[in-house]
């Protein structure tokens, strides 16, 4: 069984033989909620790919310490999910699953047909909620990388970001039912190429939006013969990409 994961920036500078102390909410959750005890193996990650593994040596009300046995550095393939805001919490479901499947970044998209909108203070609140989901999902899936959730983007801002990403060598894919190119048919000469996956809302991506994204450098692709919901389209695409590019060939944590 894999060790539970807790996030603390101290992991970034830890070395084997160090005593690493974790304090605050993470420590309270470990000691009070999960009732972790001296001698139990845990992993402390910095959220950026560093994992310090060891056993708990001491605990308090809001702290615990581990003796670091080893430190590993993990580099997940750079995959960003651009998820349109969706009703019924389906966007949050998509974010949670995407993080468990290895996404490294999330961009909320206020698409033209999105019923849900983040405006004013709601934008900050929505982003914080998605970031909390990303943190919880990363810990659940024992990841050393906690994906960052960016600020919400309008279609105009997204098109500009797509143009910049494509110019820098990122492959940008838009999931759309009318596309003639299947995701599984794509050629991946560089399996580590940074990739964005753009998913629209329940009402679909407007033609004008698809045109703007294509003009910026995105490629429209279709997953398969069935239309998926906003909650499942992105995760399905991410799983397919991981399999197609061979990223699921490695199964050990922190190895």
Protein backbone atom coordinates (compact mmCIF):
# COMPACT_ATOMS: atom_id res chain seq x y z
CA UNK A 1 0.00 0.00 0.00
CA UNK A 2 1.33 3.44 -0.88
CA UNK A 3 2.07 5.95 1.88
CA UNK A 4 -0.34 8.85 2.50
CA UNK A 5 0.73 12.21 1.09
CA UNK A 6 0.90 15.55 2.90
CA UNK A 7 1.98 18.85 1.37
CA UNK A 8 4.65 21.04 2.93
CA UNK A 9 7.19 23.37 1.25
CA UNK A 10 9.93 21.97 3.49
CA UNK A 11 10.10 18.90 1.26
CA UNK A 12 11.75 21.03 -1.44
CA UNK A 13 15.02 21.33 0.49
CA UNK A 14 14.94 18.05 2.43
CA UNK A 15 17.70 15.45 2.15
CA UNK A 16 17.99 11.89 3.40
CA UNK A 17 18.71 11.86 7.12
CA UNK A 18 16.95 15.16 7.84
CA UNK A 19 14.17 15.57 10.35
CA UNK A 20 11.30 17.27 8.54
CA UNK A 21 8.66 19.02 10.65
CA UNK A 22 5.15 19.61 9.27
CA UNK A 23 2.88 22.10 11.00
CA UNK A 24 -0.55 23.72 10.58
CA UNK A 25 -3.61 22.32 8.84
CA UNK A 26 -1.77 19.50 7.09
CA UNK A 27 -0.33 18.29 10.39
CA UNK A 28 -3.67 18.61 12.17
CA UNK A 29 -5.34 16.57 9.45
CA UNK A 30 -2.66 13.89 9.70
CA UNK A 31 -2.57 13.63 13.50
CA UNK A 32 -6.13 14.52 14.55
CA UNK A 33 -8.30 13.45 11.61
CA UNK A 34 -6.36 10.53 10.17
CA UNK A 35 -4.77 9.61 13.51
CA UNK A 36 -1.32 8.98 12.10
CA UNK A 37 1.07 7.64 14.71
CA UNK A 38 4.80 7.34 15.36
CA UNK A 39 6.35 4.71 13.12
CA UNK A 40 3.92 5.10 10.22
CA UNK A 41 5.37 5.74 6.76
CA UNK A 42 4.31 8.99 5.06
CA UNK A 43 5.33 11.07 2.05
CA UNK A 44 5.78 14.83 2.28
CA UNK A 45 5.62 16.62 -1.08
CA UNK A 46 6.27 20.24 -1.98
CA UNK A 47 3.57 20.33 -4.68
CA UNK A 48 6.14 20.92 -7.41
CA UNK A 49 7.47 17.37 -7.80
CA UNK A 50 9.70 16.74 -4.77
CA UNK A 51 8.76 13.82 -2.50
CA UNK A 52 10.40 13.22 0.89
CA UNK A 53 9.60 9.75 2.24
CA UNK A 54 10.08 8.56 5.78
CA UNK A 55 8.48 7.45 9.03
CA UNK A 56 6.84 9.62 11.67
CA UNK A 57 9.10 10.07 14.69
CA UNK A 58 7.07 12.49 16.84
CA UNK A 59 3.62 14.13 16.88
CA UNK A 60 1.80 17.02 18.58
CA UNK A 61 -1.60 18.67 18.34
CA UNK A 62 -0.75 20.56 15.13
CA UNK A 63 2.61 19.15 14.11
CA UNK A 64 4.50 15.99 13.35
CA UNK A 65 8.04 15.11 12.35
CA UNK A 66 9.48 12.47 10.06
CA UNK A 67 12.98 11.11 9.60
CA UNK A 68 13.57 11.45 5.86
CA UNK A 69 14.70 8.15 4.37
CA UNK A 70 14.84 9.25 0.73
CA UNK A 71 14.02 12.16 -1.54
CA UNK A 72 12.83 11.75 -5.12
CA UNK A 73 11.95 14.25 -7.82
CA UNK A 74 9.09 13.55 -10.17
CA UNK A 75 8.34 15.25 -13.47
CA UNK A 76 4.81 14.71 -14.77
CA UNK A 77 4.14 15.30 -18.49
CA UNK A 78 2.88 18.87 -18.94
CA UNK A 79 -0.83 18.62 -19.69
CA UNK A 80 -3.26 21.46 -19.09
CA UNK A 81 -7.03 21.08 -18.94
CA UNK A 82 -9.03 24.08 -20.13
CA UNK A 83 -12.43 23.39 -18.61
CA UNK A 84 -15.49 25.47 -19.45
CA UNK A 85 -17.62 26.44 -16.47
CA UNK A 86 -20.58 24.07 -16.29
CA UNK A 87 -23.73 23.70 -14.24
CA UNK A 88 -24.48 21.08 -11.64
CA UNK A 89 -20.90 20.84 -10.42
CA UNK A 90 -19.86 18.96 -13.55
CA UNK A 91 -16.90 21.27 -14.04
CA UNK A 92 -15.67 20.45 -10.53
CA UNK A 93 -16.09 16.74 -11.21
CA UNK A 94 -13.96 17.15 -14.32
CA UNK A 95 -11.23 18.99 -12.44
CA UNK A 96 -11.09 16.41 -9.67
CA UNK A 97 -10.83 13.48 -12.07
CA UNK A 98 -8.33 15.31 -14.29
CA UNK A 99 -5.96 15.84 -11.37
CA UNK A 100 -6.17 12.17 -10.44
CA UNK A 101 -5.32 11.35 -14.06
CA UNK A 102 -2.17 13.48 -14.06
CA UNK A 103 -3.07 16.93 -15.36
CA UNK A 104 -0.48 19.56 -14.40
CA UNK A 105 -2.51 22.75 -14.88
CA UNK A 106 -6.14 23.84 -15.03
CA UNK A 107 -7.66 26.89 -16.74
CA UNK A 108 -11.32 27.78 -16.02
CA UNK A 109 -13.01 29.03 -19.19
CA UNK A 110 -16.03 31.38 -19.24
CA UNK A 111 -17.26 30.20 -22.64
CA UNK A 112 -20.08 31.91 -24.50
CA UNK A 113 -22.61 29.16 -23.82
CA UNK A 114 -21.69 28.55 -20.20
CA UNK A 115 -24.68 29.00 -17.92
CA UNK A 116 -22.46 29.38 -14.88
CA UNK A 117 -20.43 32.59 -14.79
CA UNK A 118 -17.73 33.78 -12.39
CA UNK A 119 -17.83 37.56 -11.99
CA UNK A 120 -16.32 39.83 -9.35
CA UNK A 121 -15.67 38.12 -5.99
CA UNK A 122 -17.24 34.95 -7.37
CA UNK A 123 -14.23 34.53 -9.66
CA UNK A 124 -11.81 34.40 -6.75
CA UNK A 125 -14.11 32.11 -4.79
CA UNK A 126 -14.52 29.75 -7.75
CA UNK A 127 -10.81 29.59 -8.38
CA UNK A 128 -10.13 28.88 -4.71
CA UNK A 129 -12.71 26.09 -4.74
CA UNK A 130 -11.11 24.47 -7.78
CA UNK A 131 -7.64 24.82 -6.24
CA UNK A 132 -8.86 23.09 -3.08
CA UNK A 133 -10.25 20.28 -5.23
CA UNK A 134 -6.92 19.99 -7.03
CA UNK A 135 -5.04 19.76 -3.74
CA UNK A 136 -7.33 17.08 -2.33
CA UNK A 137 -7.26 15.06 -5.56
CA UNK A 138 -3.47 15.26 -5.80
CA UNK A 139 -3.12 13.95 -2.25
CA UNK A 140 -5.69 11.22 -2.85
CA UNK A 141 -3.82 10.01 -5.93
CA UNK A 142 -0.46 10.27 -4.11
CA UNK A 143 0.98 12.85 -6.50
CA UNK A 144 4.01 15.00 -5.77
CA UNK A 145 2.71 17.69 -8.13
CA UNK A 146 -0.29 19.79 -7.15
CA UNK A 147 -1.69 21.37 -10.34
CA UNK A 148 -2.18 25.13 -10.31
CA UNK A 149 -5.58 26.56 -11.20
CA UNK A 150 -5.30 29.83 -13.13
CA UNK A 151 -7.74 32.71 -13.15
CA UNK A 152 -10.87 32.34 -15.24
CA UNK A 153 -10.47 33.29 -18.92
CA UNK A 154 -12.91 34.70 -21.44
CA UNK A 155 -12.82 33.26 -24.95
CA UNK A 156 -10.80 36.25 -26.17
CA UNK A 157 -8.23 35.79 -23.40
CA UNK A 158 -8.13 32.05 -24.01
CA UNK A 159 -7.50 32.51 -27.73
CA UNK A 160 -4.58 34.81 -26.93
CA UNK A 161 -3.21 32.27 -24.44
CA UNK A 162 -3.60 29.49 -27.01
CA UNK A 163 -1.64 31.53 -29.56
CA UNK A 164 1.19 32.05 -27.06
CA UNK A 165 1.21 28.39 -26.04
CA UNK A 166 1.18 27.13 -29.63
CA UNK A 167 4.01 29.50 -30.55
CA UNK A 168 6.03 28.03 -27.70
CA UNK A 169 5.55 24.48 -28.99
CA UNK A 170 2.48 23.37 -27.05
CA UNK A 171 -0.05 21.17 -28.82
CA UNK A 172 -3.55 22.53 -28.23
CA UNK A 173 -6.52 20.22 -28.76
CA UNK A 174 -10.19 21.24 -28.73
CA UNK A 175 -12.70 18.45 -28.13
CA UNK A 176 -15.57 18.91 -30.57
CA UNK A 177 -18.14 16.48 -31.94
CA UNK A 178 -17.92 17.87 -35.47
CA UNK A 179 -14.17 17.31 -35.80
CA UNK A 180 -13.02 14.91 -38.48
CA UNK A 181 -9.77 14.03 -36.75
CA UNK A 182 -9.88 11.42 -34.02
CA UNK A 183 -7.77 11.88 -30.91
CA UNK A 184 -6.46 8.33 -31.22
CA UNK A 185 -5.26 9.04 -34.77
CA UNK A 186 -2.86 11.79 -33.73
CA UNK A 187 0.85 11.22 -34.28
CA UNK A 188 3.07 11.83 -31.26
CA UNK A 189 6.69 12.07 -32.37
CA UNK A 190 7.45 13.81 -29.08
CA UNK A 191 5.48 12.07 -26.35
CA UNK A 192 6.59 14.71 -23.84
CA UNK A 193 5.23 17.62 -25.89
CA UNK A 194 3.26 20.01 -23.65
CA UNK A 195 -0.42 19.64 -24.43
CA UNK A 196 -3.64 21.53 -23.71
CA UNK A 197 -7.06 19.91 -23.84
CA UNK A 198 -10.00 22.32 -24.22
CA UNK A 199 -13.47 21.19 -23.15
CA UNK A 200 -16.65 23.17 -23.72
CA UNK A 201 -19.79 23.47 -21.57
CA UNK A 202 -22.91 21.32 -21.74
CA UNK A 203 -24.27 23.52 -24.54
CA UNK A 204 -21.16 22.95 -26.63
CA UNK A 205 -18.54 25.27 -28.09
CA UNK A 206 -19.96 27.98 -30.35
CA UNK A 207 -18.80 28.01 -33.97
CA UNK A 208 -17.26 31.45 -33.50
CA UNK A 209 -15.29 30.19 -30.51
CA UNK A 210 -14.04 27.14 -32.39
CA UNK A 211 -12.95 29.39 -35.25
CA UNK A 212 -11.12 31.74 -32.90
CA UNK A 213 -9.31 28.89 -31.17
CA UNK A 214 -8.38 27.26 -34.49
CA UNK A 215 -7.06 30.56 -35.79
CA UNK A 216 -4.90 30.80 -32.66
CA UNK A 217 -3.34 27.40 -33.34
CA UNK A 218 -5.67 24.82 -31.78
CA UNK A 219 -6.70 21.57 -33.49
CA UNK A 220 -10.24 20.21 -33.20
CA UNK A 221 -10.41 16.50 -32.38
CA UNK A 222 -13.16 14.03 -31.55
CA UNK A 223 -12.86 11.34 -28.89
CA UNK A 224 -15.18 8.76 -30.38
CA UNK A 225 -18.72 8.03 -31.57
CA UNK A 226 -20.47 9.22 -28.40
CA UNK A 227 -21.02 12.71 -26.99
CA UNK A 228 -19.66 12.98 -23.45
CA UNK A 229 -20.71 15.34 -20.71
CA UNK A 230 -18.56 18.22 -19.53
CA UNK A 231 -17.67 16.18 -16.45
CA UNK A 232 -16.30 13.22 -18.40
CA UNK A 233 -14.95 14.55 -21.72
CA UNK A 234 -11.75 16.05 -20.33
CA UNK A 235 -10.83 13.10 -18.09
CA UNK A 236 -11.55 10.67 -20.95
CA UNK A 237 -9.24 12.62 -23.24
CA UNK A 238 -6.51 12.77 -20.60
CA UNK A 239 -6.70 9.03 -20.03
CA UNK A 240 -6.51 8.40 -23.77
CA UNK A 241 -3.50 10.70 -24.11
CA UNK A 242 -1.69 9.00 -21.23
CA UNK A 243 -2.19 5.61 -22.87
CA UNK A 244 -1.37 6.79 -26.39
CA UNK A 245 1.84 8.50 -25.33
CA UNK A 246 2.99 5.70 -23.03
CA UNK A 247 2.90 7.72 -19.82
CA UNK A 248 1.12 4.94 -17.96
CA UNK A 249 3.96 2.49 -18.59
CA UNK A 250 5.59 3.58 -15.30
CA UNK A 251 3.58 2.44 -12.29
CA UNK A 252 5.83 3.00 -9.28
CA UNK A 253 5.49 6.05 -7.04
CA UNK A 254 8.60 8.00 -6.25
CA UNK A 255 10.81 5.55 -8.08
